[in-house]
Each structure stands twice: as C-alpha cells, then as structure tokens.
Amino acid sequence: MRSKFLRLNTHDFIKGMILAAICTFITGFYQLIASGGVINWLTVRPVVIAAVGSAVSYLTKNLLTNSKDDFMQREASETFA
C-alpha cells in the first residue's frame, strides 16, 4: 500500500534510498571514469553529495504524493454507509 499524503512508510523510504543511490552513483562514476579522473575522496565526494540530494528529492516527492499517486493532493475522505 502506498503512503498517505504527508507521510512516508518504511517501504517508500528504503525504495527511495536505493533508487537514488544506485542511479546517482552509476552516473557519477561513469562521468568520473569517462573524464579520466582518479577515484579518491576528493573526486567521489560530489557524487556522494549528489546521491544524498537525489534521495532527499525523491523522499520529498513521495511525502507530497497521496496514496493514489496525486501530487500535492490530500487523501479523499472515506465515507462509511
């Protein structure tokens, strides 16, 4: 089940972290190797910072999306008959 508006469940959090880390690290390391750079902390640090930024962006998107995947919309109120 998806998270409700302004809430994140554990599944969304873990999925976001994995997605952001893998995507950003692959892109960052590819650019680093393609440019002939040396892999050390000074060259990897921007990749790590970008990965954290991607994760925060993804989690913010999930936080602001309701369980029906509508961005910036509250949950529809459920009526019981």
Protein backbone atom coordinates (compact mmCIF):
# COMPACT_ATOMS: atom_id res chain seq x y z
CA MET A 1 0.00 0.00 0.00
CA ARG A 2 1.22 3.49 -0.81
CA SER A 3 1.86 6.11 1.85
CA LYS A 4 -0.76 8.70 2.62
CA PHE A 5 -0.30 12.41 1.96
CA LEU A 6 2.44 13.95 4.15
CA ARG A 7 3.50 10.50 5.45
CA LEU A 8 6.16 8.01 4.41
CA ASN A 9 6.16 4.34 5.19
CA THR A 10 9.32 2.28 5.58
CA HIS A 11 8.96 0.72 2.12
CA ASP A 12 8.88 4.16 0.43
CA PHE A 13 11.90 5.31 2.42
CA ILE A 14 14.04 2.26 1.61
CA LYS A 15 12.98 2.24 -2.05
CA GLY A 16 13.88 5.92 -2.35
CA MET A 17 17.31 5.48 -0.81
CA ILE A 18 18.17 2.52 -3.03
CA LEU A 19 16.91 4.20 -6.20
CA ALA A 20 18.71 7.47 -5.55
CA ALA A 21 21.98 5.87 -4.51
CA ILE A 22 22.22 3.45 -7.42
CA CYS A 23 21.22 5.95 -10.09
CA THR A 24 23.46 8.74 -8.83
CA PHE A 25 26.49 6.56 -8.17
CA ILE A 26 26.32 4.92 -11.59
CA THR A 27 26.02 8.28 -13.33
CA GLY A 28 28.70 9.92 -11.19
CA PHE A 29 31.23 7.13 -11.53
CA TYR A 30 30.63 6.89 -15.28
CA GLN A 31 31.36 10.60 -15.69
CA LEU A 32 34.40 10.32 -13.43
CA ILE A 33 35.87 7.39 -15.36
CA ALA A 34 34.95 8.83 -18.77
CA SER A 35 36.80 12.05 -17.97
CA GLY A 36 39.89 10.09 -16.89
CA GLY A 37 39.63 11.12 -13.26
CA VAL A 38 41.26 9.34 -10.36
CA ILE A 39 38.93 7.74 -7.83
CA ASN A 40 39.64 9.19 -4.39
CA TRP A 41 37.61 11.05 -1.76
CA LEU A 42 38.01 14.44 -3.48
CA THR A 43 36.52 13.13 -6.72
CA VAL A 44 33.90 10.86 -5.12
CA ARG A 45 32.62 13.47 -2.64
CA PRO A 46 30.49 15.35 -5.24
CA VAL A 47 28.95 12.02 -6.29
CA VAL A 48 28.01 11.27 -2.67
CA ILE A 49 26.54 14.75 -2.23
CA ALA A 50 24.51 14.32 -5.43
CA ALA A 51 23.25 10.93 -4.20
CA VAL A 52 22.05 12.46 -0.92
CA GLY A 53 20.37 15.29 -2.85
CA SER A 54 18.62 12.79 -5.12
CA ALA A 55 17.41 10.78 -2.15
CA VAL A 56 16.03 13.86 -0.41
CA SER A 57 14.28 14.93 -3.63
CA TYR A 58 12.70 11.51 -4.11
CA LEU A 59 11.56 11.32 -0.49
CA THR A 60 10.10 14.84 -0.70
CA LYS A 61 8.16 13.82 -3.81
CA ASN A 62 6.81 10.75 -2.01
CA LEU A 63 5.97 12.81 1.06
CA LEU A 64 3.89 15.21 -1.04
CA THR A 65 2.10 12.49 -3.03
CA ASN A 66 -1.01 10.77 -1.73
CA SER A 67 -1.82 7.04 -1.89
CA LYS A 68 -3.45 7.45 -5.31
CA ASP A 69 -0.26 8.99 -6.73
CA ASP A 70 -1.72 12.52 -6.93
CA PHE A 71 0.91 15.18 -6.24
CA MET A 72 0.05 17.82 -3.60
CA GLN A 73 -3.47 16.43 -3.10
CA ARG A 74 -4.94 15.38 0.23
CA GLU A 75 -6.39 11.94 0.73
CA ALA A 76 -10.00 11.64 -0.38
CA SER A 77 -12.22 11.39 2.66
CA GLU A 78 -13.78 8.00 3.09
CA THR A 79 -17.47 7.88 3.90
CA PHE A 80 -18.99 4.93 5.65
CA ALA A 81 -22.56 3.98 4.81
